[in-house]
N, C-alpha and C. Protein backbone atom coordinates (compact mmCIF):
# COMPACT_ATOMS: atom_id res chain seq x y z
N MET A 1 0.84 -1.19 0.00
CA MET A 1 0.00 0.00 0.00
C MET A 1 0.89 1.25 0.00
N ASN A 2 0.68 2.11 -0.98
CA ASN A 2 1.47 3.34 -1.07
C ASN A 2 0.82 4.49 -0.32
N THR A 3 1.65 5.43 0.08
CA THR A 3 1.17 6.63 0.73
C THR A 3 2.13 7.77 0.42
N ILE A 4 1.84 8.94 0.99
CA ILE A 4 2.67 10.12 0.77
C ILE A 4 3.48 10.42 2.03
N ALA A 5 4.74 10.68 1.85
CA ALA A 5 5.58 11.20 2.93
C ALA A 5 5.95 12.62 2.52
N ARG A 6 5.90 13.56 3.48
CA ARG A 6 6.12 14.95 3.11
C ARG A 6 6.88 15.70 4.20
N ILE A 7 7.47 16.81 3.78
CA ILE A 7 8.24 17.64 4.71
C ILE A 7 8.24 19.08 4.19
N LYS A 8 8.31 20.02 5.12
CA LYS A 8 8.48 21.42 4.72
C LYS A 8 9.93 21.79 5.00
N GLN A 9 10.62 22.22 3.95
CA GLN A 9 12.05 22.50 4.05
C GLN A 9 12.34 23.79 3.29
N ALA A 10 13.05 24.70 3.95
CA ALA A 10 13.41 25.98 3.33
C ALA A 10 12.17 26.70 2.80
N GLY A 11 11.07 26.58 3.55
CA GLY A 11 9.85 27.30 3.18
C GLY A 11 9.04 26.65 2.08
N LYS A 12 9.44 25.48 1.60
CA LYS A 12 8.71 24.80 0.53
C LYS A 12 8.28 23.40 0.97
N HIS A 13 7.21 22.92 0.35
CA HIS A 13 6.71 21.58 0.62
C HIS A 13 7.29 20.59 -0.38
N PHE A 14 7.73 19.45 0.13
CA PHE A 14 8.25 18.39 -0.73
C PHE A 14 7.56 17.08 -0.36
N GLU A 15 7.23 16.29 -1.37
CA GLU A 15 6.50 15.05 -1.17
C GLU A 15 7.11 13.91 -2.00
N ILE A 16 6.95 12.71 -1.47
CA ILE A 16 7.33 11.51 -2.22
C ILE A 16 6.23 10.47 -2.02
N ILE A 17 6.16 9.54 -2.94
CA ILE A 17 5.23 8.42 -2.81
C ILE A 17 6.05 7.20 -2.41
N VAL A 18 5.66 6.57 -1.30
CA VAL A 18 6.43 5.44 -0.76
C VAL A 18 5.50 4.33 -0.31
N ASP A 19 6.07 3.14 -0.14
CA ASP A 19 5.32 2.03 0.45
C ASP A 19 5.12 2.33 1.94
N LEU A 20 3.88 2.25 2.40
CA LEU A 20 3.56 2.66 3.76
C LEU A 20 4.30 1.85 4.82
N ASP A 21 4.22 0.53 4.74
CA ASP A 21 4.87 -0.31 5.76
C ASP A 21 6.38 -0.10 5.76
N ASN A 22 6.97 -0.02 4.57
CA ASN A 22 8.41 0.18 4.47
C ASN A 22 8.82 1.53 5.06
N ALA A 23 8.02 2.56 4.77
CA ALA A 23 8.33 3.89 5.28
C ALA A 23 8.25 3.93 6.81
N LEU A 24 7.23 3.30 7.37
CA LEU A 24 7.08 3.29 8.84
C LEU A 24 8.23 2.52 9.49
N ASN A 25 8.63 1.42 8.87
CA ASN A 25 9.75 0.64 9.41
C ASN A 25 11.06 1.42 9.33
N PHE A 26 11.24 2.15 8.22
CA PHE A 26 12.45 2.96 8.07
C PHE A 26 12.48 4.07 9.11
N LYS A 27 11.34 4.68 9.35
CA LYS A 27 11.26 5.77 10.33
C LYS A 27 11.56 5.26 11.74
N LYS A 28 11.11 4.03 12.03
CA LYS A 28 11.35 3.43 13.35
C LYS A 28 12.76 2.88 13.48
N GLY A 29 13.46 2.73 12.35
CA GLY A 29 14.82 2.21 12.39
C GLY A 29 14.90 0.70 12.26
N THR A 30 13.77 0.05 11.92
CA THR A 30 13.78 -1.40 11.77
C THR A 30 14.03 -1.82 10.32
N SER A 31 14.19 -0.83 9.42
CA SER A 31 14.54 -1.10 8.03
C SER A 31 15.57 -0.08 7.60
N SER A 32 16.52 -0.49 6.78
CA SER A 32 17.58 0.43 6.34
C SER A 32 17.41 0.87 4.89
N PHE A 33 16.35 0.38 4.25
CA PHE A 33 16.15 0.71 2.84
C PHE A 33 14.82 1.41 2.62
N ILE A 34 14.83 2.49 1.86
CA ILE A 34 13.61 3.19 1.50
C ILE A 34 13.79 3.78 0.11
N GLU A 35 12.73 3.72 -0.68
CA GLU A 35 12.82 4.20 -2.06
C GLU A 35 11.55 4.94 -2.43
N ALA A 36 11.70 6.08 -3.10
CA ALA A 36 10.55 6.84 -3.58
C ALA A 36 10.07 6.24 -4.89
N GLU A 37 8.76 6.09 -5.02
CA GLU A 37 8.21 5.54 -6.26
C GLU A 37 8.57 6.44 -7.44
N GLY A 38 9.04 5.83 -8.49
CA GLY A 38 9.42 6.60 -9.66
C GLY A 38 10.70 7.39 -9.48
N HIS A 39 11.31 7.26 -8.31
CA HIS A 39 12.54 7.99 -8.01
C HIS A 39 12.34 9.49 -8.22
N ARG A 40 11.18 9.98 -7.72
CA ARG A 40 10.82 11.38 -7.96
C ARG A 40 10.46 12.09 -6.67
N ILE A 41 10.82 13.37 -6.60
CA ILE A 41 10.45 14.26 -5.50
C ILE A 41 9.47 15.30 -6.06
N PHE A 42 8.36 15.47 -5.38
CA PHE A 42 7.33 16.40 -5.85
C PHE A 42 7.20 17.61 -4.91
N THR A 43 6.68 18.70 -5.48
CA THR A 43 6.21 19.79 -4.63
C THR A 43 4.71 19.62 -4.40
N ASP A 44 4.05 18.88 -5.29
CA ASP A 44 2.64 18.52 -5.15
C ASP A 44 2.43 17.23 -5.92
N SER A 45 2.38 16.11 -5.20
CA SER A 45 2.31 14.80 -5.87
C SER A 45 0.97 14.59 -6.57
N LYS A 46 -0.12 15.16 -6.03
CA LYS A 46 -1.43 14.98 -6.64
C LYS A 46 -1.49 15.64 -8.01
N LYS A 47 -0.84 16.77 -8.14
CA LYS A 47 -0.82 17.49 -9.41
C LYS A 47 0.33 17.00 -10.31
N GLY A 48 1.21 16.19 -9.73
CA GLY A 48 2.34 15.69 -10.49
C GLY A 48 3.44 16.71 -10.70
N ASN A 49 3.47 17.72 -9.82
CA ASN A 49 4.48 18.78 -9.94
C ASN A 49 5.80 18.31 -9.33
N ALA A 50 6.78 18.06 -10.18
CA ALA A 50 8.09 17.59 -9.71
C ALA A 50 8.93 18.77 -9.22
N ALA A 51 9.73 18.52 -8.18
CA ALA A 51 10.62 19.57 -7.66
C ALA A 51 11.81 19.76 -8.60
N ALA A 52 12.18 21.01 -8.80
CA ALA A 52 13.34 21.32 -9.65
C ALA A 52 14.63 21.01 -8.90
N HIS A 53 15.69 20.71 -9.63
CA HIS A 53 16.98 20.42 -9.01
C HIS A 53 17.45 21.58 -8.14
N ALA A 54 17.21 22.81 -8.58
CA ALA A 54 17.64 23.98 -7.83
C ALA A 54 16.91 24.06 -6.49
N GLU A 55 15.62 23.69 -6.50
CA GLU A 55 14.83 23.69 -5.25
C GLU A 55 15.36 22.64 -4.28
N LEU A 56 15.70 21.47 -4.81
CA LEU A 56 16.23 20.40 -3.96
C LEU A 56 17.58 20.78 -3.37
N GLN A 57 18.42 21.38 -4.18
CA GLN A 57 19.75 21.78 -3.72
C GLN A 57 19.64 22.81 -2.61
N THR A 58 18.74 23.77 -2.78
CA THR A 58 18.56 24.83 -1.78
C THR A 58 17.99 24.26 -0.47
N ALA A 59 17.02 23.37 -0.61
CA ALA A 59 16.33 22.85 0.59
C ALA A 59 17.10 21.77 1.31
N PHE A 60 17.79 20.90 0.56
CA PHE A 60 18.42 19.73 1.18
C PHE A 60 19.94 19.71 1.06
N GLY A 61 20.49 20.65 0.30
CA GLY A 61 21.94 20.68 0.13
C GLY A 61 22.45 19.58 -0.78
N THR A 62 21.54 18.93 -1.50
CA THR A 62 21.91 17.86 -2.43
C THR A 62 20.77 17.65 -3.42
N THR A 63 21.07 17.01 -4.53
CA THR A 63 20.02 16.62 -5.47
C THR A 63 19.92 15.10 -5.54
N ASP A 64 20.62 14.40 -4.65
CA ASP A 64 20.59 12.94 -4.60
C ASP A 64 19.22 12.48 -4.11
N ILE A 65 18.44 11.85 -4.98
CA ILE A 65 17.07 11.46 -4.66
C ILE A 65 17.00 10.50 -3.48
N ASP A 66 17.93 9.54 -3.42
CA ASP A 66 17.92 8.57 -2.32
C ASP A 66 18.16 9.25 -0.98
N GLU A 67 19.10 10.18 -0.94
CA GLU A 67 19.39 10.88 0.32
C GLU A 67 18.22 11.75 0.74
N ILE A 68 17.60 12.41 -0.21
CA ILE A 68 16.44 13.27 0.09
C ILE A 68 15.26 12.42 0.56
N THR A 69 15.08 11.27 -0.07
CA THR A 69 14.00 10.35 0.33
C THR A 69 14.17 9.94 1.79
N LYS A 70 15.39 9.59 2.16
CA LYS A 70 15.66 9.21 3.55
C LYS A 70 15.34 10.35 4.51
N LYS A 71 15.73 11.56 4.12
CA LYS A 71 15.49 12.74 4.95
C LYS A 71 13.99 12.98 5.14
N ILE A 72 13.24 12.88 4.05
CA ILE A 72 11.79 13.13 4.13
C ILE A 72 11.10 12.11 5.02
N VAL A 73 11.45 10.84 4.84
CA VAL A 73 10.80 9.79 5.63
C VAL A 73 11.20 9.87 7.10
N LYS A 74 12.48 10.11 7.34
CA LYS A 74 12.98 10.12 8.72
C LYS A 74 12.50 11.33 9.50
N SER A 75 12.52 12.49 8.86
CA SER A 75 12.23 13.74 9.59
C SER A 75 10.86 14.33 9.28
N GLY A 76 10.22 13.81 8.22
CA GLY A 76 8.94 14.39 7.82
C GLY A 76 7.74 13.62 8.35
N GLU A 77 6.62 13.81 7.69
CA GLU A 77 5.35 13.20 8.09
C GLU A 77 4.96 12.12 7.09
N ILE A 78 4.55 10.97 7.59
CA ILE A 78 4.05 9.90 6.75
C ILE A 78 2.54 9.84 6.92
N LEU A 79 1.81 9.99 5.84
CA LEU A 79 0.35 9.96 5.91
C LEU A 79 -0.12 8.51 6.07
N VAL A 80 -0.82 8.26 7.16
CA VAL A 80 -1.28 6.90 7.47
C VAL A 80 -2.77 6.80 7.19
N THR A 81 -3.16 5.80 6.44
CA THR A 81 -4.56 5.63 6.08
C THR A 81 -5.37 5.08 7.26
N GLN A 82 -6.68 5.31 7.23
CA GLN A 82 -7.55 4.78 8.27
C GLN A 82 -7.54 3.26 8.25
N GLU A 83 -7.43 2.69 7.06
CA GLU A 83 -7.36 1.24 6.93
C GLU A 83 -6.14 0.69 7.68
N HIS A 84 -5.02 1.38 7.54
CA HIS A 84 -3.80 0.94 8.23
C HIS A 84 -3.97 1.08 9.74
N ARG A 85 -4.57 2.18 10.18
CA ARG A 85 -4.80 2.38 11.62
C ARG A 85 -5.67 1.26 12.18
N ASP A 86 -6.72 0.90 11.43
CA ASP A 86 -7.61 -0.16 11.88
C ASP A 86 -6.88 -1.50 11.96
N GLU A 87 -6.03 -1.77 10.97
CA GLU A 87 -5.26 -3.02 10.96
C GLU A 87 -4.32 -3.08 12.17
N GLU A 88 -3.64 -1.96 12.45
CA GLU A 88 -2.71 -1.92 13.59
C GLU A 88 -3.45 -2.08 14.91
N LYS A 89 -4.64 -1.47 15.00
CA LYS A 89 -5.45 -1.59 16.22
C LYS A 89 -5.87 -3.04 16.43
N ASP A 90 -6.29 -3.70 15.35
CA ASP A 90 -6.70 -5.11 15.45
C ASP A 90 -5.52 -6.00 15.87
N LYS A 91 -4.33 -5.70 15.36
CA LYS A 91 -3.13 -6.47 15.73
C LYS A 91 -2.84 -6.32 17.23
N LYS A 92 -2.94 -5.07 17.72
CA LYS A 92 -2.67 -4.82 19.14
C LYS A 92 -3.68 -5.57 20.02
N ILE A 93 -4.94 -5.51 19.64
CA ILE A 93 -5.98 -6.19 20.42
C ILE A 93 -5.71 -7.70 20.45
N LYS A 94 -5.34 -8.26 19.29
CA LYS A 94 -5.06 -9.69 19.23
C LYS A 94 -3.86 -10.05 20.10
N GLN A 95 -2.83 -9.19 20.11
CA GLN A 95 -1.65 -9.43 20.96
C GLN A 95 -2.05 -9.48 22.43
N VAL A 96 -2.91 -8.54 22.84
CA VAL A 96 -3.35 -8.49 24.24
C VAL A 96 -4.17 -9.73 24.57
N ILE A 97 -5.10 -10.09 23.69
CA ILE A 97 -5.94 -11.26 23.93
C ILE A 97 -5.09 -12.53 24.03
N ASP A 98 -4.15 -12.69 23.10
CA ASP A 98 -3.28 -13.87 23.11
C ASP A 98 -2.46 -13.94 24.39
N PHE A 99 -1.93 -12.78 24.80
CA PHE A 99 -1.11 -12.76 26.01
C PHE A 99 -1.94 -13.14 27.24
N LEU A 100 -3.13 -12.53 27.37
CA LEU A 100 -3.96 -12.79 28.55
C LEU A 100 -4.50 -14.23 28.55
N ALA A 101 -4.78 -14.76 27.36
CA ALA A 101 -5.26 -16.14 27.29
C ALA A 101 -4.19 -17.11 27.77
N ARG A 102 -2.92 -16.76 27.53
CA ARG A 102 -1.80 -17.62 27.96
C ARG A 102 -1.42 -17.43 29.43
N ASN A 103 -1.57 -16.20 29.93
CA ASN A 103 -0.99 -15.88 31.23
C ASN A 103 -1.97 -15.51 32.33
N ALA A 104 -3.21 -15.20 31.96
CA ALA A 104 -4.18 -14.78 32.97
C ALA A 104 -5.11 -15.93 33.35
N PHE A 105 -5.69 -15.82 34.55
CA PHE A 105 -6.63 -16.84 34.99
C PHE A 105 -7.65 -16.22 35.95
N ASP A 106 -8.70 -16.95 36.20
CA ASP A 106 -9.74 -16.52 37.14
C ASP A 106 -9.31 -16.96 38.54
N PRO A 107 -8.98 -16.01 39.42
CA PRO A 107 -8.50 -16.39 40.76
C PRO A 107 -9.56 -17.11 41.60
N GLN A 108 -10.81 -17.01 41.20
CA GLN A 108 -11.87 -17.68 41.96
C GLN A 108 -11.96 -19.18 41.62
N THR A 109 -11.62 -19.50 40.37
CA THR A 109 -11.72 -20.90 39.96
C THR A 109 -10.36 -21.51 39.62
N GLY A 110 -9.35 -20.65 39.39
CA GLY A 110 -8.04 -21.13 39.00
C GLY A 110 -7.95 -21.51 37.53
N ARG A 111 -9.02 -21.27 36.79
CA ARG A 111 -9.05 -21.65 35.38
C ARG A 111 -8.71 -20.45 34.49
N PRO A 112 -8.12 -20.70 33.32
CA PRO A 112 -7.81 -19.60 32.39
C PRO A 112 -9.09 -19.06 31.75
N HIS A 113 -9.02 -17.80 31.32
CA HIS A 113 -10.13 -17.21 30.59
C HIS A 113 -9.98 -17.53 29.11
N THR A 114 -11.09 -17.73 28.43
CA THR A 114 -11.05 -17.99 26.99
C THR A 114 -10.78 -16.69 26.24
N PRO A 115 -10.20 -16.77 25.04
CA PRO A 115 -9.98 -15.57 24.23
C PRO A 115 -11.28 -14.80 23.98
N GLU A 116 -12.39 -15.54 23.78
CA GLU A 116 -13.67 -14.89 23.53
C GLU A 116 -14.11 -14.07 24.73
N ARG A 117 -13.93 -14.62 25.93
CA ARG A 117 -14.34 -13.91 27.16
C ARG A 117 -13.47 -12.68 27.36
N ILE A 118 -12.18 -12.81 27.08
CA ILE A 118 -11.26 -11.68 27.24
C ILE A 118 -11.61 -10.57 26.26
N LYS A 119 -11.88 -10.95 25.01
CA LYS A 119 -12.24 -9.95 24.00
C LYS A 119 -13.51 -9.21 24.39
N SER A 120 -14.49 -9.95 24.88
CA SER A 120 -15.75 -9.34 25.32
C SER A 120 -15.52 -8.37 26.47
N ALA A 121 -14.66 -8.76 27.42
CA ALA A 121 -14.38 -7.91 28.57
C ALA A 121 -13.64 -6.64 28.15
N LEU A 122 -12.72 -6.76 27.19
CA LEU A 122 -12.01 -5.59 26.67
C LEU A 122 -12.99 -4.59 26.08
N GLU A 123 -13.98 -5.10 25.35
CA GLU A 123 -14.98 -4.23 24.74
C GLU A 123 -15.87 -3.60 25.80
N GLN A 124 -16.29 -4.39 26.78
CA GLN A 124 -17.17 -3.89 27.84
C GLN A 124 -16.48 -2.84 28.69
N ALA A 125 -15.18 -3.04 28.93
CA ALA A 125 -14.43 -2.11 29.79
C ALA A 125 -13.92 -0.91 29.00
N HIS A 126 -14.16 -0.91 27.68
CA HIS A 126 -13.70 0.19 26.80
C HIS A 126 -12.20 0.44 26.98
N VAL A 127 -11.43 -0.64 26.96
CA VAL A 127 -9.99 -0.55 27.15
C VAL A 127 -9.34 0.05 25.90
N HIS A 128 -8.55 1.10 26.11
CA HIS A 128 -7.82 1.73 25.01
C HIS A 128 -6.39 1.20 25.00
N ILE A 129 -6.03 0.50 23.93
CA ILE A 129 -4.68 -0.04 23.81
C ILE A 129 -3.85 0.95 23.02
N LYS A 130 -2.79 1.42 23.63
CA LYS A 130 -1.97 2.48 23.04
C LYS A 130 -0.90 1.90 22.11
N ASP A 131 -0.27 2.81 21.36
CA ASP A 131 0.88 2.41 20.57
C ASP A 131 2.02 2.08 21.53
N GLY A 132 2.95 1.27 21.07
CA GLY A 132 4.09 0.93 21.91
C GLY A 132 3.99 -0.48 22.45
N SER A 133 4.90 -0.79 23.35
CA SER A 133 5.03 -2.14 23.90
C SER A 133 3.78 -2.57 24.67
N ILE A 134 3.31 -3.79 24.39
CA ILE A 134 2.14 -4.33 25.08
C ILE A 134 2.45 -4.62 26.55
N ASP A 135 3.65 -5.17 26.82
CA ASP A 135 3.96 -5.60 28.19
C ASP A 135 3.90 -4.46 29.19
N LYS A 136 4.23 -3.24 28.74
CA LYS A 136 4.18 -2.09 29.66
C LYS A 136 2.75 -1.65 29.96
N GLN A 137 1.82 -2.07 29.10
CA GLN A 137 0.42 -1.67 29.28
C GLN A 137 -0.40 -2.68 30.07
N ILE A 138 0.15 -3.89 30.26
CA ILE A 138 -0.62 -4.96 30.89
C ILE A 138 -1.18 -4.59 32.26
N PRO A 139 -0.39 -3.97 33.17
CA PRO A 139 -0.97 -3.62 34.48
C PRO A 139 -2.20 -2.71 34.37
N GLU A 140 -2.13 -1.73 33.47
CA GLU A 140 -3.27 -0.82 33.30
C GLU A 140 -4.46 -1.56 32.68
N ILE A 141 -4.18 -2.43 31.72
CA ILE A 141 -5.25 -3.20 31.09
C ILE A 141 -5.95 -4.10 32.10
N ILE A 142 -5.14 -4.77 32.94
CA ILE A 142 -5.70 -5.64 33.98
C ILE A 142 -6.58 -4.84 34.95
N ALA A 143 -6.14 -3.63 35.29
CA ALA A 143 -6.91 -2.78 36.20
C ALA A 143 -8.30 -2.48 35.64
N HIS A 144 -8.37 -2.25 34.33
CA HIS A 144 -9.66 -1.99 33.69
C HIS A 144 -10.50 -3.27 33.61
N LEU A 145 -9.85 -4.37 33.21
CA LEU A 145 -10.58 -5.62 33.03
C LEU A 145 -11.15 -6.16 34.35
N SER A 146 -10.43 -5.91 35.44
CA SER A 146 -10.85 -6.45 36.74
C SER A 146 -12.20 -5.90 37.19
N LYS A 147 -12.64 -4.81 36.55
CA LYS A 147 -13.97 -4.25 36.86
C LYS A 147 -15.08 -5.08 36.20
N ILE A 148 -14.69 -5.87 35.20
CA ILE A 148 -15.65 -6.65 34.44
C ILE A 148 -15.61 -8.13 34.81
N LEU A 149 -14.41 -8.67 35.02
CA LEU A 149 -14.27 -10.08 35.35
C LEU A 149 -13.10 -10.29 36.29
N PRO A 150 -13.17 -11.31 37.15
CA PRO A 150 -12.04 -11.61 38.04
C PRO A 150 -10.87 -12.11 37.21
N ILE A 151 -9.73 -11.45 37.32
CA ILE A 151 -8.59 -11.82 36.49
C ILE A 151 -7.29 -11.54 37.21
N LYS A 152 -6.35 -12.44 37.04
CA LYS A 152 -5.04 -12.29 37.66
C LYS A 152 -4.00 -12.87 36.70
N ILE A 153 -2.82 -12.24 36.69
CA ILE A 153 -1.73 -12.70 35.82
C ILE A 153 -0.84 -13.68 36.59
N GLU A 154 -0.52 -14.80 35.96
CA GLU A 154 0.45 -15.73 36.54
C GLU A 154 1.83 -15.10 36.43
N THR A 155 2.54 -15.02 37.52
CA THR A 155 3.85 -14.36 37.53
C THR A 155 4.92 -15.26 38.14
N LYS A 156 6.14 -14.88 37.89
CA LYS A 156 7.29 -15.54 38.52
C LYS A 156 8.11 -14.48 39.25
N ARG A 157 8.49 -14.78 40.49
CA ARG A 157 9.33 -13.87 41.27
C ARG A 157 10.77 -14.36 41.19
N VAL A 158 11.66 -13.42 40.91
CA VAL A 158 13.06 -13.77 40.71
C VAL A 158 13.96 -12.80 41.47
N LYS A 159 14.95 -13.35 42.18
CA LYS A 159 15.98 -12.52 42.82
C LYS A 159 17.15 -12.42 41.87
N ILE A 160 17.61 -11.20 41.63
CA ILE A 160 18.69 -10.97 40.67
C ILE A 160 19.81 -10.19 41.32
N GLU A 161 21.04 -10.62 41.07
CA GLU A 161 22.22 -9.88 41.51
C GLU A 161 22.96 -9.38 40.27
N ILE A 162 23.08 -8.06 40.17
CA ILE A 162 23.67 -7.43 38.98
C ILE A 162 25.00 -6.78 39.35
N PRO A 163 26.09 -7.15 38.69
CA PRO A 163 27.39 -6.54 38.98
C PRO A 163 27.34 -5.03 38.74
N ALA A 164 28.15 -4.31 39.51
CA ALA A 164 28.14 -2.84 39.46
C ALA A 164 28.35 -2.30 38.05
N ILE A 165 29.21 -2.95 37.27
CA ILE A 165 29.55 -2.44 35.95
C ILE A 165 28.36 -2.44 34.99
N HIS A 166 27.33 -3.25 35.30
CA HIS A 166 26.18 -3.37 34.39
C HIS A 166 24.88 -2.79 34.95
N THR A 167 24.92 -2.22 36.14
CA THR A 167 23.66 -1.76 36.75
C THR A 167 22.97 -0.66 35.96
N GLY A 168 23.74 0.19 35.29
CA GLY A 168 23.13 1.29 34.54
C GLY A 168 22.17 0.81 33.47
N LYS A 169 22.65 -0.07 32.60
CA LYS A 169 21.80 -0.57 31.53
C LYS A 169 20.77 -1.57 32.05
N ALA A 170 21.16 -2.39 33.02
CA ALA A 170 20.25 -3.43 33.51
C ALA A 170 19.07 -2.84 34.27
N TYR A 171 19.27 -1.68 34.89
CA TYR A 171 18.18 -1.10 35.69
C TYR A 171 16.95 -0.83 34.82
N GLY A 172 17.19 -0.42 33.59
CA GLY A 172 16.08 -0.15 32.68
C GLY A 172 15.29 -1.41 32.35
N VAL A 173 15.93 -2.56 32.41
CA VAL A 173 15.27 -3.83 32.13
C VAL A 173 14.43 -4.29 33.32
N VAL A 174 14.95 -4.11 34.54
CA VAL A 174 14.27 -4.65 35.72
C VAL A 174 13.29 -3.66 36.36
N ALA A 175 13.43 -2.36 36.06
CA ALA A 175 12.70 -1.33 36.79
C ALA A 175 11.19 -1.54 36.80
N GLN A 176 10.60 -1.85 35.66
CA GLN A 176 9.14 -1.94 35.60
C GLN A 176 8.58 -3.15 36.33
N TYR A 177 9.46 -4.13 36.65
CA TYR A 177 9.00 -5.34 37.33
C TYR A 177 9.44 -5.43 38.79
N LYS A 178 10.27 -4.51 39.24
CA LYS A 178 10.89 -4.67 40.57
C LYS A 178 9.89 -4.48 41.71
N GLN A 179 10.07 -5.33 42.74
CA GLN A 179 9.29 -5.21 43.97
C GLN A 179 10.10 -4.50 45.04
N ASN A 180 11.37 -4.82 45.08
CA ASN A 180 12.27 -4.09 45.99
C ASN A 180 13.69 -4.21 45.47
N GLU A 181 14.55 -3.33 45.96
CA GLU A 181 15.94 -3.32 45.51
C GLU A 181 16.87 -3.02 46.68
N LYS A 182 18.10 -3.46 46.54
CA LYS A 182 19.11 -3.23 47.58
C LYS A 182 20.44 -2.96 46.90
N TRP A 183 20.94 -1.75 47.09
CA TRP A 183 22.26 -1.39 46.53
C TRP A 183 23.34 -1.77 47.53
N LYS A 184 24.36 -2.46 47.07
CA LYS A 184 25.43 -2.91 47.96
C LYS A 184 26.60 -1.93 47.92
N ASP A 185 27.48 -2.06 48.89
CA ASP A 185 28.62 -1.13 49.02
C ASP A 185 29.54 -1.15 47.80
N ASP A 186 29.61 -2.28 47.12
CA ASP A 186 30.50 -2.37 45.95
C ASP A 186 29.83 -1.85 44.67
N GLY A 187 28.61 -1.30 44.80
CA GLY A 187 27.92 -0.74 43.65
C GLY A 187 27.03 -1.72 42.91
N SER A 188 27.05 -2.98 43.31
CA SER A 188 26.20 -3.97 42.67
C SER A 188 24.76 -3.83 43.20
N LEU A 189 23.85 -4.45 42.51
CA LEU A 189 22.43 -4.31 42.85
C LEU A 189 21.79 -5.67 43.03
N GLU A 190 21.04 -5.80 44.13
CA GLU A 190 20.22 -6.98 44.34
C GLU A 190 18.77 -6.54 44.24
N VAL A 191 18.02 -7.16 43.36
CA VAL A 191 16.64 -6.74 43.13
C VAL A 191 15.74 -7.95 43.01
N ILE A 192 14.53 -7.81 43.51
CA ILE A 192 13.52 -8.86 43.36
C ILE A 192 12.47 -8.34 42.39
N VAL A 193 12.21 -9.11 41.35
CA VAL A 193 11.24 -8.71 40.33
C VAL A 193 10.10 -9.72 40.28
N GLU A 194 8.97 -9.26 39.79
CA GLU A 194 7.82 -10.13 39.55
C GLU A 194 7.43 -9.93 38.09
N VAL A 195 7.65 -10.97 37.29
CA VAL A 195 7.48 -10.87 35.84
C VAL A 195 6.37 -11.81 35.39
N PRO A 196 5.47 -11.35 34.50
CA PRO A 196 4.46 -12.27 33.95
C PRO A 196 5.13 -13.50 33.37
N ALA A 197 4.55 -14.66 33.66
CA ALA A 197 5.18 -15.93 33.25
C ALA A 197 5.44 -15.99 31.75
N GLY A 198 4.54 -15.43 30.98
CA GLY A 198 4.70 -15.47 29.53
C GLY A 198 5.80 -14.59 29.00
N MET A 199 6.35 -13.73 29.86
CA MET A 199 7.41 -12.81 29.44
C MET A 199 8.76 -13.18 30.02
N ILE A 200 8.81 -14.23 30.83
CA ILE A 200 10.03 -14.49 31.59
C ILE A 200 11.21 -14.82 30.69
N ILE A 201 11.00 -15.56 29.61
CA ILE A 201 12.12 -15.90 28.72
C ILE A 201 12.65 -14.65 28.03
N ASP A 202 11.74 -13.81 27.55
CA ASP A 202 12.14 -12.56 26.91
C ASP A 202 12.86 -11.66 27.91
N PHE A 203 12.39 -11.66 29.16
CA PHE A 203 13.02 -10.87 30.22
C PHE A 203 14.45 -11.34 30.45
N TYR A 204 14.64 -12.64 30.56
CA TYR A 204 15.99 -13.19 30.76
C TYR A 204 16.90 -12.85 29.57
N ASP A 205 16.35 -12.93 28.37
CA ASP A 205 17.13 -12.61 27.17
C ASP A 205 17.63 -11.17 27.21
N LYS A 206 16.74 -10.24 27.57
CA LYS A 206 17.12 -8.83 27.64
C LYS A 206 18.14 -8.58 28.74
N LEU A 207 17.92 -9.22 29.89
CA LEU A 207 18.84 -9.06 31.02
C LEU A 207 20.22 -9.59 30.67
N ASN A 208 20.28 -10.76 30.06
CA ASN A 208 21.57 -11.35 29.68
C ASN A 208 22.28 -10.52 28.62
N ALA A 209 21.50 -9.89 27.75
CA ALA A 209 22.10 -9.08 26.68
C ALA A 209 22.83 -7.87 27.25
N VAL A 210 22.23 -7.21 28.25
CA VAL A 210 22.85 -6.00 28.80
C VAL A 210 23.90 -6.30 29.86
N THR A 211 23.86 -7.49 30.45
CA THR A 211 24.85 -7.84 31.48
C THR A 211 25.87 -8.84 30.96
N HIS A 212 25.75 -9.21 29.69
CA HIS A 212 26.65 -10.20 29.07
C HIS A 212 26.64 -11.51 29.85
N GLY A 213 25.46 -11.85 30.38
CA GLY A 213 25.30 -13.11 31.08
C GLY A 213 25.86 -13.15 32.49
N SER A 214 26.25 -11.97 33.03
CA SER A 214 26.91 -11.96 34.34
C SER A 214 25.94 -11.81 35.51
N ALA A 215 24.67 -11.53 35.23
CA ALA A 215 23.69 -11.38 36.32
C ALA A 215 23.34 -12.76 36.88
N LEU A 216 23.25 -12.86 38.19
CA LEU A 216 22.87 -14.11 38.85
C LEU A 216 21.38 -14.06 39.16
N THR A 217 20.63 -15.09 38.75
CA THR A 217 19.19 -15.10 38.96
C THR A 217 18.79 -16.34 39.75
N GLU A 218 17.77 -16.17 40.58
CA GLU A 218 17.25 -17.29 41.37
C GLU A 218 15.74 -17.12 41.50
N GLU A 219 14.99 -18.09 40.98
CA GLU A 219 13.53 -18.02 41.07
C GLU A 219 13.09 -18.27 42.50
N ILE A 220 12.20 -17.42 42.97
CA ILE A 220 11.71 -17.52 44.34
C ILE A 220 10.42 -18.34 44.32
N LYS A 221 10.42 -19.46 44.98
CA LYS A 221 9.25 -20.32 45.07
C LYS A 221 8.38 -19.89 46.24
N ASP A 222 7.09 -19.85 46.01
CA ASP A 222 6.17 -19.48 47.10
C ASP A 222 6.02 -20.64 48.07
């Protein structure tokens, strides 16, 4: 699906036609390649008005179409269709439903909730799922859902010892899950986290990546 990416530079408007998904990925940094359709820069794409080389040189300091395309996509605005917004919203909802179906249960019966029941509760509670990481939104989502149905997330409690040299980067990984922390005299950190069971492998992967595998972990059994 194609769309328009545009930017105002040196007092003029410049537009390109690009693949929507590719442009969004390039803007987020998850793709390194972007190309303007027809290898053309417009001042008005609907009218087919192409930008003159002199205009490009003045506005961007170059006439290289590939470099200008990257600049427009990275720093400009990408027009997102309603169809794309709806698709992204449906994906987010499905991610939440799948996660809760795997990790949540009814504390009154100990049984998991069905995807259908979770979807219905999300609609009844008018839960708004935001852009960004789903895992960071789970506590807020659960708070809303608990007004509609009894629900609890299965979690794992883990004690972690992080060497002083890695505490800076590792703190960002453990902060959202920590229950308590203890800084030691040598600068190392001992922290107890409570992580949703369905996220524990991903959590360990992130922790090991920033500590180069030097963090010591011990699961706390109830």
